[in-house]
Amino acid sequence: MKSFIVIAIGGIVGLLAGWIATAAAVVMFGEQLGLSNFEGQRDLMAAFGYGPAGGLVGLIIGVWIGRRLSPA
């Protein structure tokens, strides 16, 4: 049970970190990559378009790290 909690916390932290990091990168570098900011398009795309993909990658990495750190 203790290892499940460590893995779950690792997954949640990874999900949030990945989502926030990806959304921040899109907001910062989106203009150089050609994303328009007409009516907040870049911000919405960062939050709901690219953010979930980064969150999924962060979730996978967080679970992997949690499994490595948890006692067997």
PDB file of N, CA and C in Angstrom:
ATOM      1  N   MET A   1       0.824  -1.192   0.000  1.00  0.00           N
ATOM      2  CA  MET A   1       0.000   0.000   0.000  1.00  0.00           C
ATOM      3  C   MET A   1       0.867   1.254   0.000  1.00  0.00           C
ATOM      4  N   LYS A   2       1.971   1.185   0.747  1.00  0.00           N
ATOM      5  CA  LYS A   2       2.860   2.336   0.820  1.00  0.00           C
ATOM      6  C   LYS A   2       3.466   2.647  -0.544  1.00  0.00           C
ATOM      7  N   SER A   3       3.825   1.611  -1.298  1.00  0.00           N
ATOM      8  CA  SER A   3       4.403   1.837  -2.622  1.00  0.00           C
ATOM      9  C   SER A   3       3.370   2.418  -3.579  1.00  0.00           C
ATOM     10  N   PHE A   4       2.115   2.020  -3.449  1.00  0.00           N
ATOM     11  CA  PHE A   4       1.059   2.585  -4.294  1.00  0.00           C
ATOM     12  C   PHE A   4       0.904   4.083  -4.055  1.00  0.00           C
ATOM     13  N   ILE A   5       0.991   4.500  -2.811  1.00  0.00           N
ATOM     14  CA  ILE A   5       0.868   5.921  -2.483  1.00  0.00           C
ATOM     15  C   ILE A   5       2.039   6.710  -3.059  1.00  0.00           C
ATOM     16  N   VAL A   6       3.240   6.158  -2.963  1.00  0.00           N
ATOM     17  CA  VAL A   6       4.418   6.828  -3.527  1.00  0.00           C
ATOM     18  C   VAL A   6       4.281   6.943  -5.042  1.00  0.00           C
ATOM     19  N   ILE A   7       3.824   5.890  -5.703  1.00  0.00           N
ATOM     20  CA  ILE A   7       3.643   5.913  -7.157  1.00  0.00           C
ATOM     21  C   ILE A   7       2.550   6.898  -7.547  1.00  0.00           C
ATOM     22  N   ALA A   8       1.451   6.924  -6.796  1.00  0.00           N
ATOM     23  CA  ALA A   8       0.362   7.856  -7.101  1.00  0.00           C
ATOM     24  C   ALA A   8       0.799   9.306  -6.922  1.00  0.00           C
ATOM     25  N   ILE A   9       1.515   9.601  -5.866  1.00  0.00           N
ATOM     26  CA  ILE A   9       2.004  10.968  -5.652  1.00  0.00           C
ATOM     27  C   ILE A   9       2.996  11.351  -6.745  1.00  0.00           C
ATOM     28  N   GLY A  10       3.870  10.431  -7.120  1.00  0.00           N
ATOM     29  CA  GLY A  10       4.805  10.692  -8.213  1.00  0.00           C
ATOM     30  C   GLY A  10       4.084  10.971  -9.521  1.00  0.00           C
ATOM     31  N   GLY A  11       3.031  10.223  -9.790  1.00  0.00           N
ATOM     32  CA  GLY A  11       2.258  10.440 -11.005  1.00  0.00           C
ATOM     33  C   GLY A  11       1.548  11.778 -11.018  1.00  0.00           C
ATOM     34  N   ILE A  12       0.957  12.150  -9.898  1.00  0.00           N
ATOM     35  CA  ILE A  12       0.244  13.428  -9.815  1.00  0.00           C
ATOM     36  C   ILE A  12       1.207  14.603  -9.941  1.00  0.00           C
ATOM     37  N   VAL A  13       2.327  14.528  -9.241  1.00  0.00           N
ATOM     38  CA  VAL A  13       3.325  15.599  -9.325  1.00  0.00           C
ATOM     39  C   VAL A  13       3.884  15.696 -10.746  1.00  0.00           C
ATOM     40  N   GLY A  14       4.160  14.551 -11.359  1.00  0.00           N
ATOM     41  CA  GLY A  14       4.651  14.552 -12.737  1.00  0.00           C
ATOM     42  C   GLY A  14       3.639  15.115 -13.709  1.00  0.00           C
ATOM     43  N   LEU A  15       2.369  14.776 -13.520  1.00  0.00           N
ATOM     44  CA  LEU A  15       1.302  15.297 -14.375  1.00  0.00           C
ATOM     45  C   LEU A  15       1.219  16.811 -14.296  1.00  0.00           C
ATOM     46  N   LEU A  16       1.204  17.339 -13.090  1.00  0.00           N
ATOM     47  CA  LEU A  16       1.116  18.793 -12.919  1.00  0.00           C
ATOM     48  C   LEU A  16       2.359  19.498 -13.445  1.00  0.00           C
ATOM     49  N   ALA A  17       3.525  18.958 -13.153  1.00  0.00           N
ATOM     50  CA  ALA A  17       4.762  19.586 -13.606  1.00  0.00           C
ATOM     51  C   ALA A  17       4.867  19.567 -15.130  1.00  0.00           C
ATOM     52  N   GLY A  18       4.508  18.451 -15.734  1.00  0.00           N
ATOM     53  CA  GLY A  18       4.565  18.358 -17.188  1.00  0.00           C
ATOM     54  C   GLY A  18       3.585  19.304 -17.861  1.00  0.00           C
ATOM     55  N   TRP A  19       2.366  19.387 -17.333  1.00  0.00           N
ATOM     56  CA  TRP A  19       1.343  20.272 -17.902  1.00  0.00           C
ATOM     57  C   TRP A  19       1.794  21.733 -17.809  1.00  0.00           C
ATOM     58  N   ILE A  20       2.247  22.139 -16.634  1.00  0.00           N
ATOM     59  CA  ILE A  20       2.650  23.532 -16.426  1.00  0.00           C
ATOM     60  C   ILE A  20       3.879  23.875 -17.263  1.00  0.00           C
ATOM     61  N   ALA A  21       4.861  22.987 -17.311  1.00  0.00           N
ATOM     62  CA  ALA A  21       6.075  23.260 -18.082  1.00  0.00           C
ATOM     63  C   ALA A  21       5.777  23.367 -19.570  1.00  0.00           C
ATOM     64  N   THR A  22       4.932  22.486 -20.089  1.00  0.00           N
ATOM     65  CA  THR A  22       4.592  22.531 -21.508  1.00  0.00           C
ATOM     66  C   THR A  22       3.796  23.770 -21.843  1.00  0.00           C
ATOM     67  N   ALA A  23       2.809  24.104 -21.027  1.00  0.00           N
ATOM     68  CA  ALA A  23       1.998  25.296 -21.284  1.00  0.00           C
ATOM     69  C   ALA A  23       2.848  26.562 -21.204  1.00  0.00           C
ATOM     70  N   ALA A  24       3.757  26.623 -20.250  1.00  0.00           N
ATOM     71  CA  ALA A  24       4.626  27.795 -20.135  1.00  0.00           C
ATOM     72  C   ALA A  24       5.557  27.914 -21.333  1.00  0.00           C
ATOM     73  N   ALA A  25       6.071  26.794 -21.813  1.00  0.00           N
ATOM     74  CA  ALA A  25       6.953  26.828 -22.983  1.00  0.00           C
ATOM     75  C   ALA A  25       6.202  27.282 -24.224  1.00  0.00           C
ATOM     76  N   VAL A  26       4.962  26.846 -24.385  1.00  0.00           N
ATOM     77  CA  VAL A  26       4.175  27.269 -25.553  1.00  0.00           C
ATOM     78  C   VAL A  26       3.853  28.755 -25.469  1.00  0.00           C
ATOM     79  N   VAL A  27       3.531  29.251 -24.294  1.00  0.00           N
ATOM     80  CA  VAL A  27       3.244  30.678 -24.148  1.00  0.00           C
ATOM     81  C   VAL A  27       4.498  31.504 -24.433  1.00  0.00           C
ATOM     82  N   MET A  28       5.649  31.053 -23.945  1.00  0.00           N
ATOM     83  CA  MET A  28       6.882  31.824 -24.134  1.00  0.00           C
ATOM     84  C   MET A  28       7.399  31.757 -25.570  1.00  0.00           C
ATOM     85  N   PHE A  29       7.370  30.575 -26.181  1.00  0.00           N
ATOM     86  CA  PHE A  29       7.997  30.397 -27.481  1.00  0.00           C
ATOM     87  C   PHE A  29       6.997  30.240 -28.625  1.00  0.00           C
ATOM     88  N   GLY A  30       5.725  30.373 -28.346  1.00  0.00           N
ATOM     89  CA  GLY A  30       4.707  30.187 -29.372  1.00  0.00           C
ATOM     90  C   GLY A  30       4.780  31.198 -30.501  1.00  0.00           C
ATOM     91  N   GLU A  31       5.119  32.430 -30.191  1.00  0.00           N
ATOM     92  CA  GLU A  31       5.201  33.450 -31.220  1.00  0.00           C
ATOM     93  C   GLU A  31       6.321  33.150 -32.214  1.00  0.00           C
ATOM     94  N   GLN A  32       7.449  32.663 -31.731  1.00  0.00           N
ATOM     95  CA  GLN A  32       8.552  32.309 -32.619  1.00  0.00           C
ATOM     96  C   GLN A  32       8.221  31.091 -33.477  1.00  0.00           C
ATOM     97  N   LEU A  33       7.311  30.258 -32.999  1.00  0.00           N
ATOM     98  CA  LEU A  33       6.922  29.061 -33.744  1.00  0.00           C
ATOM     99  C   LEU A  33       5.729  29.297 -34.653  1.00  0.00           C
ATOM    100  N   GLY A  34       5.212  30.529 -34.688  1.00  0.00           N
ATOM    101  CA  GLY A  34       4.156  30.875 -35.623  1.00  0.00           C
ATOM    102  C   GLY A  34       2.742  30.794 -35.083  1.00  0.00           C
ATOM    103  N   LEU A  35       2.558  30.641 -33.779  1.00  0.00           N
ATOM    104  CA  LEU A  35       1.209  30.618 -33.220  1.00  0.00           C
ATOM    105  C   LEU A  35       0.703  32.050 -33.042  1.00  0.00           C
ATOM    106  N   SER A  36      -0.485  32.306 -33.505  1.00  0.00           N
ATOM    107  CA  SER A  36      -1.078  33.632 -33.374  1.00  0.00           C
ATOM    108  C   SER A  36      -1.629  33.810 -31.964  1.00  0.00           C
ATOM    109  N   ASN A  37      -1.673  35.047 -31.499  1.00  0.00           N
ATOM    110  CA  ASN A  37      -2.262  35.328 -30.196  1.00  0.00           C
ATOM    111  C   ASN A  37      -3.541  36.142 -30.349  1.00  0.00           C
ATOM    112  N   PHE A  38      -4.202  36.004 -31.480  1.00  0.00           N
ATOM    113  CA  PHE A  38      -5.456  36.706 -31.728  1.00  0.00           C
ATOM    114  C   PHE A  38      -6.525  36.156 -30.791  1.00  0.00           C
ATOM    115  N   GLU A  39      -7.089  37.024 -29.964  1.00  0.00           N
ATOM    116  CA  GLU A  39      -8.123  36.678 -28.973  1.00  0.00           C
ATOM    117  C   GLU A  39      -7.670  35.559 -28.035  1.00  0.00           C
ATOM    118  N   GLY A  40      -6.400  35.542 -27.661  1.00  0.00           N
ATOM    119  CA  GLY A  40      -5.896  34.572 -26.693  1.00  0.00           C
ATOM    120  C   GLY A  40      -5.721  33.173 -27.248  1.00  0.00           C
ATOM    121  N   GLN A  41      -5.593  33.065 -28.557  1.00  0.00           N
ATOM    122  CA  GLN A  41      -5.490  31.751 -29.181  1.00  0.00           C
ATOM    123  C   GLN A  41      -4.282  30.971 -28.668  1.00  0.00           C
ATOM    124  N   ARG A  42      -3.147  31.627 -28.535  1.00  0.00           N
ATOM    125  CA  ARG A  42      -1.934  30.943 -28.077  1.00  0.00           C
ATOM    126  C   ARG A  42      -2.104  30.435 -26.644  1.00  0.00           C
ATOM    127  N   ASP A  43      -2.697  31.248 -25.793  1.00  0.00           N
ATOM    128  CA  ASP A  43      -2.878  30.847 -24.398  1.00  0.00           C
ATOM    129  C   ASP A  43      -3.833  29.665 -24.272  1.00  0.00           C
ATOM    130  N   LEU A  44      -4.917  29.679 -25.022  1.00  0.00           N
ATOM    131  CA  LEU A  44      -5.862  28.566 -24.982  1.00  0.00           C
ATOM    132  C   LEU A  44      -5.251  27.300 -25.565  1.00  0.00           C
ATOM    133  N   MET A  45      -4.480  27.458 -26.622  1.00  0.00           N
ATOM    134  CA  MET A  45      -3.817  26.296 -27.212  1.00  0.00           C
ATOM    135  C   MET A  45      -2.791  25.715 -26.250  1.00  0.00           C
ATOM    136  N   ALA A  46      -2.113  26.583 -25.509  1.00  0.00           N
ATOM    137  CA  ALA A  46      -1.140  26.103 -24.526  1.00  0.00           C
ATOM    138  C   ALA A  46      -1.829  25.341 -23.404  1.00  0.00           C
ATOM    139  N   ALA A  47      -2.951  25.876 -22.909  1.00  0.00           N
ATOM    140  CA  ALA A  47      -3.631  25.269 -21.765  1.00  0.00           C
ATOM    141  C   ALA A  47      -4.384  23.993 -22.130  1.00  0.00           C
ATOM    142  N   PHE A  48      -5.051  23.987 -23.279  1.00  0.00           N
ATOM    143  CA  PHE A  48      -5.933  22.866 -23.603  1.00  0.00           C
ATOM    144  C   PHE A  48      -5.465  22.028 -24.785  1.00  0.00           C
ATOM    145  N   GLY A  49      -4.475  22.495 -25.522  1.00  0.00           N
ATOM    146  CA  GLY A  49      -3.986  21.738 -26.665  1.00  0.00           C
ATOM    147  C   GLY A  49      -2.704  20.997 -26.374  1.00  0.00           C
ATOM    148  N   TYR A  50      -1.672  21.738 -25.972  1.00  0.00           N
ATOM    149  CA  TYR A  50      -0.368  21.139 -25.727  1.00  0.00           C
ATOM    150  C   TYR A  50      -0.157  20.749 -24.272  1.00  0.00           C
ATOM    151  N   GLY A  51      -0.823  21.401 -23.358  1.00  0.00           N
ATOM    152  CA  GLY A  51      -0.674  21.096 -21.939  1.00  0.00           C
ATOM    153  C   GLY A  51      -0.989  19.649 -21.578  1.00  0.00           C
ATOM    154  N   PRO A  52      -2.111  19.099 -22.067  1.00  0.00           N
ATOM    155  CA  PRO A  52      -2.399  17.695 -21.739  1.00  0.00           C
ATOM    156  C   PRO A  52      -1.349  16.714 -22.263  1.00  0.00           C
ATOM    157  N   ALA A  53      -0.753  17.001 -23.415  1.00  0.00           N
ATOM    158  CA  ALA A  53       0.287  16.113 -23.935  1.00  0.00           C
ATOM    159  C   ALA A  53       1.507  16.133 -23.011  1.00  0.00           C
ATOM    160  N   GLY A  54       1.892  17.315 -22.559  1.00  0.00           N
ATOM    161  CA  GLY A  54       2.991  17.414 -21.605  1.00  0.00           C
ATOM    162  C   GLY A  54       2.638  16.773 -20.271  1.00  0.00           C
ATOM    163  N   GLY A  55       1.374  16.893 -19.873  1.00  0.00           N
ATOM    164  CA  GLY A  55       0.931  16.249 -18.643  1.00  0.00           C
ATOM    165  C   GLY A  55       1.004  14.734 -18.726  1.00  0.00           C
ATOM    166  N   LEU A  56       0.670  14.179 -19.880  1.00  0.00           N
ATOM    167  CA  LEU A  56       0.751  12.733 -20.058  1.00  0.00           C
ATOM    168  C   LEU A  56       2.194  12.247 -19.982  1.00  0.00           C
ATOM    169  N   VAL A  57       3.090  12.965 -20.619  1.00  0.00           N
ATOM    170  CA  VAL A  57       4.508  12.611 -20.542  1.00  0.00           C
ATOM    171  C   VAL A  57       5.005  12.737 -19.100  1.00  0.00           C
ATOM    172  N   GLY A  58       4.599  13.807 -18.410  1.00  0.00           N
ATOM    173  CA  GLY A  58       4.980  13.979 -17.013  1.00  0.00           C
ATOM    174  C   GLY A  58       4.412  12.890 -16.122  1.00  0.00           C
ATOM    175  N   LEU A  59       3.191  12.448 -16.405  1.00  0.00           N
ATOM    176  CA  LEU A  59       2.576  11.364 -15.639  1.00  0.00           C
ATOM    177  C   LEU A  59       3.374  10.081 -15.797  1.00  0.00           C
ATOM    178  N   ILE A  60       3.759   9.763 -17.009  1.00  0.00           N
ATOM    179  CA  ILE A  60       4.525   8.543 -17.257  1.00  0.00           C
ATOM    180  C   ILE A  60       5.883   8.614 -16.545  1.00  0.00           C
ATOM    181  N   ILE A  61       6.542   9.751 -16.641  1.00  0.00           N
ATOM    182  CA  ILE A  61       7.839   9.906 -15.973  1.00  0.00           C
ATOM    183  C   ILE A  61       7.678   9.870 -14.459  1.00  0.00           C
ATOM    184  N   GLY A  62       6.629  10.506 -13.939  1.00  0.00           N
ATOM    185  CA  GLY A  62       6.383  10.502 -12.498  1.00  0.00           C
ATOM    186  C   GLY A  62       6.102   9.119 -11.951  1.00  0.00           C
ATOM    187  N   VAL A  63       5.321   8.329 -12.664  1.00  0.00           N
ATOM    188  CA  VAL A  63       5.043   6.960 -12.229  1.00  0.00           C
ATOM    189  C   VAL A  63       6.311   6.122 -12.285  1.00  0.00           C
ATOM    190  N   TRP A  64       7.108   6.310 -13.330  1.00  0.00           N
ATOM    191  CA  TRP A  64       8.364   5.565 -13.447  1.00  0.00           C
ATOM    192  C   TRP A  64       9.298   5.896 -12.295  1.00  0.00           C
ATOM    193  N   ILE A  65       9.429   7.181 -11.967  1.00  0.00           N
ATOM    194  CA  ILE A  65      10.286   7.580 -10.850  1.00  0.00           C
ATOM    195  C   ILE A  65       9.707   7.073  -9.528  1.00  0.00           C
ATOM    196  N   GLY A  66       8.393   7.127  -9.372  1.00  0.00           N
ATOM    197  CA  GLY A  66       7.768   6.609  -8.161  1.00  0.00           C
ATOM    198  C   GLY A  66       7.993   5.131  -7.977  1.00  0.00           C
ATOM    199  N   ARG A  67       7.962   4.377  -9.076  1.00  0.00           N
ATOM    200  CA  ARG A  67       8.217   2.935  -8.984  1.00  0.00           C
ATOM    201  C   ARG A  67       9.676   2.662  -8.623  1.00  0.00           C
ATOM    202  N   ARG A  68      10.574   3.501  -9.119  1.00  0.00           N
ATOM    203  CA  ARG A  68      11.989   3.318  -8.816  1.00  0.00           C
ATOM    204  C   ARG A  68      12.301   3.647  -7.345  1.00  0.00           C
ATOM    205  N   LEU A  69      11.584   4.620  -6.783  1.00  0.00           N
ATOM    206  CA  LEU A  69      11.844   5.053  -5.412  1.00  0.00           C
ATOM    207  C   LEU A  69      11.076   4.269  -4.360  1.00  0.00           C
ATOM    208  N   SER A  70       9.998   3.611  -4.741  1.00  0.00           N
ATOM    209  CA  SER A  70       9.168   2.941  -3.748  1.00  0.00           C
ATOM    210  C   SER A  70       9.801   1.614  -3.334  1.00  0.00           C
ATOM    211  N   PRO A  71       9.602   1.261  -2.063  1.00  0.00           N
ATOM    212  CA  PRO A  71      10.110  -0.037  -1.613  1.00  0.00           C
ATOM    213  C   PRO A  71       9.274  -1.162  -2.212  1.00  0.00           C
ATOM    214  N   ALA A  72       9.891  -2.254  -2.522  1.00  0.00           N
ATOM    215  CA  ALA A  72       9.205  -3.368  -3.179  1.00  0.00           C
ATOM    216  C   ALA A  72       8.262  -4.109  -2.291  1.00  0.00           C
TER     217      ALA A  72
END
